C-alpha atoms as a PDB file:
ATOM      1  CA  MET A   1     153.228 166.434  80.040  1.00  0.00           C
ATOM      2  CA  LYS A   2     151.170 163.529  81.531  1.00  0.00           C
ATOM      3  CA  LYS A   3     153.010 160.264  81.932  1.00  0.00           C
ATOM      4  CA  VAL A   4     152.116 156.706  81.574  1.00  0.00           C
ATOM      5  CA  LEU A   5     154.069 154.085  83.385  1.00  0.00           C
ATOM      6  CA  VAL A   6     154.349 150.717  81.492  1.00  0.00           C
ATOM      7  CA  THR A   7     156.171 147.852  83.196  1.00  0.00           C
ATOM      8  CA  GLY A   8     157.479 144.510  81.859  1.00  0.00           C
ATOM      9  CA  PHE A   9     159.013 141.410  83.541  1.00  0.00           C
ATOM     10  CA  GLY A  10     162.353 139.899  82.566  1.00  0.00           C
ATOM     11  CA  PRO A  11     162.702 136.379  81.388  1.00  0.00           C
ATOM     12  CA  PHE A  12     161.438 133.482  83.654  1.00  0.00           C
ATOM     13  CA  GLY A  13     160.694 129.807  83.518  1.00  0.00           C
ATOM     14  CA  GLY A  14     163.668 128.846  81.494  1.00  0.00           C
ATOM     15  CA  GLU A  15     162.908 131.391  78.559  1.00  0.00           C
ATOM     16  CA  PRO A  16     165.763 133.506  77.460  1.00  0.00           C
ATOM     17  CA  VAL A  17     163.518 136.227  76.637  1.00  0.00           C
ATOM     18  CA  ASN A  18     160.202 137.846  77.782  1.00  0.00           C
ATOM     19  CA  PRO A  19     158.007 139.538  75.209  1.00  0.00           C
ATOM     20  CA  ALA A  20     156.782 142.005  77.811  1.00  0.00           C
ATOM     21  CA  LEU A  21     160.246 143.314  78.392  1.00  0.00           C
ATOM     22  CA  GLU A  22     161.121 143.399  74.655  1.00  0.00           C
ATOM     23  CA  ALA A  23     157.772 145.296  73.884  1.00  0.00           C
ATOM     24  CA  ILE A  24     158.270 147.903  76.568  1.00  0.00           C
ATOM     25  CA  LYS A  25     161.647 148.801  75.353  1.00  0.00           C
ATOM     26  CA  LEU A  26     160.244 149.906  72.105  1.00  0.00           C
ATOM     27  CA  LEU A  27     157.592 151.971  73.771  1.00  0.00           C
ATOM     28  CA  ASN A  28     159.821 154.028  76.159  1.00  0.00           C
ATOM     29  CA  GLY A  29     159.662 157.673  75.300  1.00  0.00           C
ATOM     30  CA  ARG A  30     156.843 157.484  72.791  1.00  0.00           C
ATOM     31  CA  GLU A  31     154.027 160.194  72.991  1.00  0.00           C
ATOM     32  CA  LEU A  32     150.521 158.946  72.815  1.00  0.00           C
ATOM     33  CA  ALA A  33     147.215 161.036  73.157  1.00  0.00           C
ATOM     34  CA  GLY A  34     149.153 163.929  74.949  1.00  0.00           C
ATOM     35  CA  ALA A  35     151.115 161.563  77.320  1.00  0.00           C
ATOM     36  CA  CYS A  36     154.597 160.320  77.416  1.00  0.00           C
ATOM     37  CA  ILE A  37     155.395 156.633  77.890  1.00  0.00           C
ATOM     38  CA  VAL A  38     157.928 155.769  80.581  1.00  0.00           C
ATOM     39  CA  THR A  39     158.867 152.045  80.892  1.00  0.00           C
ATOM     40  CA  ARG A  40     160.618 150.040  83.592  1.00  0.00           C
ATOM     41  CA  GLU A  41     161.695 146.421  84.096  1.00  0.00           C
ATOM     42  CA  LEU A  42     160.312 144.486  86.923  1.00  0.00           C
ATOM     43  CA  PRO A  43     161.998 141.405  88.619  1.00  0.00           C
ATOM     44  CA  VAL A  44     160.160 138.112  88.541  1.00  0.00           C
ATOM     45  CA  VAL A  45     160.213 137.822  92.249  1.00  0.00           C
ATOM     46  CA  ARG A  46     157.435 137.776  94.684  1.00  0.00           C
ATOM     47  CA  GLN A  47     157.039 141.028  96.610  1.00  0.00           C
ATOM     48  CA  GLU A  48     160.205 142.601  94.984  1.00  0.00           C
ATOM     49  CA  CYS A  49     158.098 143.326  91.864  1.00  0.00           C
ATOM     50  CA  ILE A  50     155.372 145.213  93.957  1.00  0.00           C
ATOM     51  CA  ASP A  51     157.998 147.068  95.891  1.00  0.00           C
ATOM     52  CA  ALA A  52     159.600 148.069  92.559  1.00  0.00           C
ATOM     53  CA  ILE A  53     156.519 149.309  90.929  1.00  0.00           C
ATOM     54  CA  ILE A  54     155.499 151.346  93.974  1.00  0.00           C
ATOM     55  CA  ARG A  55     158.848 153.074  93.806  1.00  0.00           C
ATOM     56  CA  TYR A  56     158.464 153.769  90.149  1.00  0.00           C
ATOM     57  CA  ILE A  57     155.049 155.239  90.744  1.00  0.00           C
ATOM     58  CA  ALA A  58     156.435 157.588  93.344  1.00  0.00           C
ATOM     59  CA  GLU A  59     159.260 158.499  91.004  1.00  0.00           C
ATOM     60  CA  ILE A  60     157.300 159.094  87.828  1.00  0.00           C
ATOM     61  CA  ASP A  61     153.836 160.147  89.137  1.00  0.00           C
ATOM     62  CA  PRO A  62     151.872 158.650  86.245  1.00  0.00           C
ATOM     63  CA  VAL A  63     148.291 159.140  85.452  1.00  0.00           C
ATOM     64  CA  ILE A  64     147.963 155.476  84.272  1.00  0.00           C
ATOM     65  CA  VAL A  65     150.046 152.422  85.324  1.00  0.00           C
ATOM     66  CA  LEU A  66     149.968 149.509  82.862  1.00  0.00           C
ATOM     67  CA  ALA A  67     151.778 146.255  83.660  1.00  0.00           C
ATOM     68  CA  VAL A  68     152.611 143.908  81.078  1.00  0.00           C
ATOM     69  CA  GLY A  69     153.269 140.148  81.262  1.00  0.00           C
ATOM     70  CA  GLN A  70     153.895 137.015  79.165  1.00  0.00           C
ATOM     71  CA  ALA A  71     151.080 134.410  78.858  1.00  0.00           C
ATOM     72  CA  GLY A  72     152.439 131.443  76.871  1.00  0.00           C
ATOM     73  CA  GLY A  73     149.517 129.747  75.193  1.00  0.00           C
ATOM     74  CA  ARG A  74     147.423 132.645  74.675  1.00  0.00           C
ATOM     75  CA  LEU A  75     146.306 133.707  71.204  1.00  0.00           C
ATOM     76  CA  ASP A  76     145.941 137.398  71.556  1.00  0.00           C
ATOM     77  CA  ILE A  77     146.517 140.423  73.789  1.00  0.00           C
ATOM     78  CA  THR A  78     144.333 140.138  76.826  1.00  0.00           C
ATOM     79  CA  PRO A  79     143.684 142.991  79.246  1.00  0.00           C
ATOM     80  CA  GLU A  80     142.818 141.409  82.625  1.00  0.00           C
ATOM     81  CA  ARG A  81     139.556 142.161  84.353  1.00  0.00           C
ATOM     82  CA  VAL A  82     140.423 141.057  87.989  1.00  0.00           C
ATOM     83  CA  ALA A  83     143.317 140.175  90.333  1.00  0.00           C
ATOM     84  CA  ILE A  84     142.824 137.894  93.171  1.00  0.00           C
ATOM     85  CA  ASN A  85     144.468 137.768  96.550  1.00  0.00           C
ATOM     86  CA  VAL A  86     146.238 134.363  96.347  1.00  0.00           C
ATOM     87  CA  ASP A  87     149.774 133.176  95.392  1.00  0.00           C
ATOM     88  CA  ASP A  88     149.763 129.578  94.223  1.00  0.00           C
ATOM     89  CA  PHE A  89     152.995 129.207  92.141  1.00  0.00           C
ATOM     90  CA  ARG A  90     153.195 126.279  89.760  1.00  0.00           C
ATOM     91  CA  ILE A  91     156.839 126.981  89.196  1.00  0.00           C
ATOM     92  CA  LYS A  92     159.391 128.874  91.242  1.00  0.00           C
ATOM     93  CA  ASP A  93     160.012 132.534  90.681  1.00  0.00           C
ATOM     94  CA  ASN A  94     163.434 133.850  89.818  1.00  0.00           C
ATOM     95  CA  ALA A  95     164.471 133.877  93.472  1.00  0.00           C
ATOM     96  CA  GLY A  96     163.356 130.234  94.060  1.00  0.00           C
ATOM     97  CA  ASN A  97     160.190 131.155  95.825  1.00  0.00           C
ATOM     98  CA  GLN A  98     157.264 128.668  95.290  1.00  0.00           C
ATOM     99  CA  VAL A  99     154.533 129.586  97.588  1.00  0.00           C
ATOM    100  CA  ILE A 100     151.225 127.610  97.913  1.00  0.00           C
ATOM    101  CA  ASP A 101     147.826 129.137  98.793  1.00  0.00           C
ATOM    102  CA  GLU A 102     149.165 132.264 100.418  1.00  0.00           C
ATOM    103  CA  PRO A 103     147.678 135.686 100.262  1.00  0.00           C
ATOM    104  CA  VAL A 104     149.367 138.423  98.117  1.00  0.00           C
ATOM    105  CA  VAL A 105     148.318 140.948 100.862  1.00  0.00           C
ATOM    106  CA  PRO A 106     147.351 139.299 104.277  1.00  0.00           C
ATOM    107  CA  GLY A 107     144.009 140.705 105.225  1.00  0.00           C
ATOM    108  CA  GLY A 108     143.489 142.426 101.773  1.00  0.00           C
ATOM    109  CA  PRO A 109     140.220 142.181  99.864  1.00  0.00           C
ATOM    110  CA  ALA A 110     139.645 138.786  98.012  1.00  0.00           C
ATOM    111  CA  ALA A 111     140.013 140.672  94.679  1.00  0.00           C
ATOM    112  CA  TYR A 112     140.478 144.026  92.898  1.00  0.00           C
ATOM    113  CA  PHE A 113     139.064 145.053  89.473  1.00  0.00           C
ATOM    114  CA  SER A 114     141.157 146.823  86.870  1.00  0.00           C
ATOM    115  CA  THR A 115     140.337 150.582  86.899  1.00  0.00           C
ATOM    116  CA  LEU A 116     141.230 150.738  83.226  1.00  0.00           C
ATOM    117  CA  PRO A 117     138.776 150.745  80.527  1.00  0.00           C
ATOM    118  CA  ILE A 118     139.514 147.192  79.389  1.00  0.00           C
ATOM    119  CA  LYS A 119     136.542 146.672  76.982  1.00  0.00           C
ATOM    120  CA  ALA A 120     137.340 149.932  75.178  1.00  0.00           C
ATOM    121  CA  MET A 121     141.080 148.806  75.097  1.00  0.00           C
ATOM    122  CA  VAL A 122     140.115 145.575  73.448  1.00  0.00           C
ATOM    123  CA  GLN A 123     137.866 147.254  70.958  1.00  0.00           C
ATOM    124  CA  LYS A 124     140.433 149.825  70.071  1.00  0.00           C
ATOM    125  CA  MET A 125     142.935 147.017  69.405  1.00  0.00           C
ATOM    126  CA  LYS A 126     140.457 145.032  67.199  1.00  0.00           C
ATOM    127  CA  ASP A 127     139.645 148.087  65.190  1.00  0.00           C
ATOM    128  CA  GLY A 128     143.327 148.408  64.548  1.00  0.00           C
ATOM    129  CA  GLY A 129     143.577 144.863  63.389  1.00  0.00           C
ATOM    130  CA  ILE A 130     145.149 143.349  66.509  1.00  0.00           C
ATOM    131  CA  PRO A 131     143.649 140.193  68.012  1.00  0.00           C
ATOM    132  CA  ALA A 132     142.428 141.024  71.574  1.00  0.00           C
ATOM    133  CA  THR A 133     139.997 139.824  74.079  1.00  0.00           C
ATOM    134  CA  VAL A 134     139.109 140.514  77.687  1.00  0.00           C
ATOM    135  CA  SER A 135     140.574 137.951  80.170  1.00  0.00           C
ATOM    136  CA  ASN A 136     138.890 136.979  83.489  1.00  0.00           C
ATOM    137  CA  THR A 137     141.953 135.332  85.060  1.00  0.00           C
ATOM    138  CA  ALA A 138     145.591 136.529  85.531  1.00  0.00           C
ATOM    139  CA  GLY A 139     146.544 133.261  86.934  1.00  0.00           C
ATOM    140  CA  THR A 140     148.070 132.604  90.343  1.00  0.00           C
ATOM    141  CA  PHE A 141     151.698 133.410  89.665  1.00  0.00           C
ATOM    142  CA  ILE A 142     153.844 136.584  89.569  1.00  0.00           C
ATOM    143  CA  CYS A 143     151.611 138.397  87.002  1.00  0.00           C
ATOM    144  CA  ASN A 144     148.559 138.140  89.134  1.00  0.00           C
ATOM    145  CA  HIS A 145     150.719 138.826  92.352  1.00  0.00           C
ATOM    146  CA  LEU A 146     152.020 142.064  90.732  1.00  0.00           C
ATOM    147  CA  PHE A 147     148.487 143.031  89.493  1.00  0.00           C
ATOM    148  CA  TYR A 148     146.904 142.497  92.907  1.00  0.00           C
ATOM    149  CA  GLY A 149     149.725 144.430  94.605  1.00  0.00           C
ATOM    150  CA  LEU A 150     149.427 147.322  92.170  1.00  0.00           C
ATOM    151  CA  MET A 151     145.728 147.702  92.612  1.00  0.00           C
ATOM    152  CA  HIS A 152     146.096 147.489  96.393  1.00  0.00           C
ATOM    153  CA  HIS A 153     148.563 150.336  96.340  1.00  0.00           C
ATOM    154  CA  LEU A 154     146.381 152.419  93.961  1.00  0.00           C
ATOM    155  CA  ALA A 155     143.337 151.886  96.180  1.00  0.00           C
ATOM    156  CA  GLN A 156     145.435 152.916  99.279  1.00  0.00           C
ATOM    157  CA  GLU A 157     146.312 156.071  97.390  1.00  0.00           C
ATOM    158  CA  GLY A 158     142.654 156.780  96.740  1.00  0.00           C
ATOM    159  CA  ASN A 159     142.628 155.754  93.081  1.00  0.00           C
ATOM    160  CA  ILE A 160     144.171 159.009  92.116  1.00  0.00           C
ATOM    161  CA  ARG A 161     145.424 157.236  89.074  1.00  0.00           C
ATOM    162  CA  ARG A 162     144.210 154.251  87.113  1.00  0.00           C
ATOM    163  CA  GLY A 163     145.972 150.970  86.628  1.00  0.00           C
ATOM    164  CA  GLY A 164     145.721 147.409  85.340  1.00  0.00           C
ATOM    165  CA  PHE A 165     147.468 144.478  83.709  1.00  0.00           C
ATOM    166  CA  VAL A 166     147.812 143.118  80.141  1.00  0.00           C
ATOM    167  CA  HIS A 167     148.947 139.699  79.160  1.00  0.00           C
ATOM    168  CA  ILE A 168     150.658 139.208  75.705  1.00  0.00           C
ATOM    169  CA  PRO A 169     151.472 135.969  73.717  1.00  0.00           C
ATOM    170  CA  TYR A 170     154.862 134.375  73.190  1.00  0.00           C
ATOM    171  CA  LEU A 171     157.102 135.770  70.449  1.00  0.00           C
ATOM    172  CA  PRO A 172     157.631 133.538  67.335  1.00  0.00           C
ATOM    173  CA  GLU A 173     161.093 132.418  68.520  1.00  0.00           C
ATOM    174  CA  GLN A 174     159.571 131.265  71.798  1.00  0.00           C
ATOM    175  CA  ALA A 175     156.981 129.241  69.844  1.00  0.00           C
ATOM    176  CA  VAL A 176     159.739 127.416  68.052  1.00  0.00           C
ATOM    177  CA  ARG A 177     160.987 126.236  71.465  1.00  0.00           C
ATOM    178  CA  ASN A 178     157.487 125.529  72.487  1.00  0.00           C
ATOM    179  CA  PRO A 179     155.909 123.576  69.799  1.00  0.00           C
ATOM    180  CA  GLY A 180     152.239 123.984  69.251  1.00  0.00           C
ATOM    181  CA  GLN A 181     152.101 127.407  71.154  1.00  0.00           C
ATOM    182  CA  PRO A 182     150.645 130.335  69.398  1.00  0.00           C
ATOM    183  CA  SER A 183     152.839 133.528  69.094  1.00  0.00           C
ATOM    184  CA  MET A 184     152.544 137.232  67.913  1.00  0.00           C
ATOM    185  CA  SER A 185     155.220 139.365  66.421  1.00  0.00           C
ATOM    186  CA  ILE A 186     156.814 142.100  68.372  1.00  0.00           C
ATOM    187  CA  GLU A 187     155.657 144.643  65.992  1.00  0.00           C
ATOM    188  CA  THR A 188     152.099 143.598  66.414  1.00  0.00           C
ATOM    189  CA  ILE A 189     152.385 143.465  70.232  1.00  0.00           C
ATOM    190  CA  VAL A 190     153.739 146.978  70.345  1.00  0.00           C
ATOM    191  CA  LYS A 191     151.086 148.372  68.022  1.00  0.00           C
ATOM    192  CA  GLY A 192     148.424 146.656  70.197  1.00  0.00           C
ATOM    193  CA  LEU A 193     149.848 148.045  73.293  1.00  0.00           C
ATOM    194  CA  GLU A 194     149.901 151.631  71.796  1.00  0.00           C
ATOM    195  CA  LEU A 195     146.298 151.363  70.766  1.00  0.00           C
ATOM    196  CA  ALA A 196     145.256 149.925  74.330  1.00  0.00           C
ATOM    197  CA  ILE A 197     147.106 152.866  75.910  1.00  0.00           C
ATOM    198  CA  GLN A 198     145.507 155.419  73.665  1.00  0.00           C
ATOM    199  CA  ALA A 199     142.186 154.010  74.646  1.00  0.00           C
ATOM    200  CA  ALA A 200     143.011 154.119  78.301  1.00  0.00           C
ATOM    201  CA  LEU A 201     143.935 157.745  77.975  1.00  0.00           C
ATOM    202  CA  THR A 202     141.021 158.910  76.033  1.00  0.00           C
ATOM    203  CA  THR A 203     138.198 156.790  77.689  1.00  0.00           C
ATOM    204  CA  GLN A 204     136.728 157.722  81.036  1.00  0.00           C
ATOM    205  CA  THR A 205     133.655 155.420  80.911  1.00  0.00           C
ATOM    206  CA  ASP A 206     134.335 151.873  79.564  1.00  0.00           C
ATOM    207  CA  ALA A 207     132.376 150.405  76.598  1.00  0.00           C
ATOM    208  CA  ARG A 208     129.568 148.278  77.306  1.00  0.00           C
ATOM    209  CA  TYR A 209     129.293 144.949  75.350  1.00  0.00           C
ATOM    210  CA  THR A 210     129.377 141.470  76.348  1.00  0.00           C
ATOM    211  CA  ALA A 211     132.859 140.052  76.885  1.00  0.00           C
ATOM    212  CA  GLY A 212     131.881 137.157  79.390  1.00  0.00           C
ATOM    213  CA  GLN A 213     132.472 133.479  79.155  1.00  0.00           C
ATOM    214  CA  ILE A 214     130.003 130.595  80.058  1.00  0.00           C
ATOM    215  CA  CYS A 215     132.949 128.738  81.801  1.00  0.00           C
END
């Protein structure tokens, strides 16, 4: 059976929980569109997270790699369009690294686009009643770092498998600790990720509709 590797980060930034990790725990072992979901936790540490996902790709040999991360402040589930080759950390990672204006991969391209059908994924989630939009920035912290490192690795492999990154909102218990921030239940997040993965597995050519922003 085909496999899909789905990764999630552990807690960071003073939070005791990360919705990405909690969601992927519930996805592990599920079968969707003829594929088995295999999940792995990644460290919130510069370069270590890239090394880890490369090891898991070699171990599992998935057809799709989907990395999931927390984006406090976002209202909905947001597949990312592009990863940029820069680390500019507003806070320290879990190993105390706080780099400024350094490349993820020295000498690498300025950016990589997701190879997942992100618009079809968003449409599938919306059709299933899940708030979702395309995002055009993955930030400049560990999520973008991993996203860029993943896409660089997949490109070096010859793009024999597809990959990308999805951000998810806080859980309700996090919103309690962060007043004014939106949240989403773990059940809704898991359903949304399932729908997104189904779309990724069954869509070869992405949907074509506007998902751009003026600024």
